[in-house]
C-alpha cells in the first residue's frame, strides 16, 4: 500500500503502521527459517499466510507466496515441495491431508496424506486449491479459483473445478 502526498497527521500515522508491519513480517520470517525442511533465498511471503508443519515444507529460491495463503503439510510422507521461481496467488491453499469416505467410520479415523510438488516456475492464480497427491509440472499456470486434484504436466495451463489442461505452453 503506497500513500502519496501525505501531509496530515493521520496519513503519517498510517505510513508508520505500514512500515512497522513490514518490519514485523520480516522479523517473524527470519525467526522461522530454520524450522522449514528447506528455505531458499529471496523468498517473499505475504501477510496472514499460514504454514502448518513447516518441518515438512521446502520452499526454493525466488518464490513469492501471496497474502492469506494456507499451506498445510501432514508428515514426512506427505511433505510439500515448492520449486524455484514459483508464484502463489492470494487466498490459495496447498493441503496434503484429506479423509477417506468409509461407511460406519468417523472421518477423524480416515485421514489420507499425500505429497504435493510444485516444480520450478509454477504460477498459481488467486484462490487456487491444490490437494494431496498432486504434482504440478515445471512452467505451468493454474487459473484463479481452480481445484487441482490430479497431476498437471509441465508447460501447461489448467483451469476449472476440477482443474483441467486447456493449453500447452510452447
Foldseek 3Di string as FASTA:
>chain_A
DDDPPDDDPVSVVVVVVVVVVVVVVVVVVVVCCVQACAEEPPEAEEAQEAAENRPQEHAYEQEYHYHQEYEYADDVQAGEYEEYNEYHEAQEYEYFWDFDDDPPDDRVVGIDGAYEYEYAQEYEYAHEYEYHPEYEEANEYEDHNEYDPYYHYHQFYWYDDPTDTDDGHD
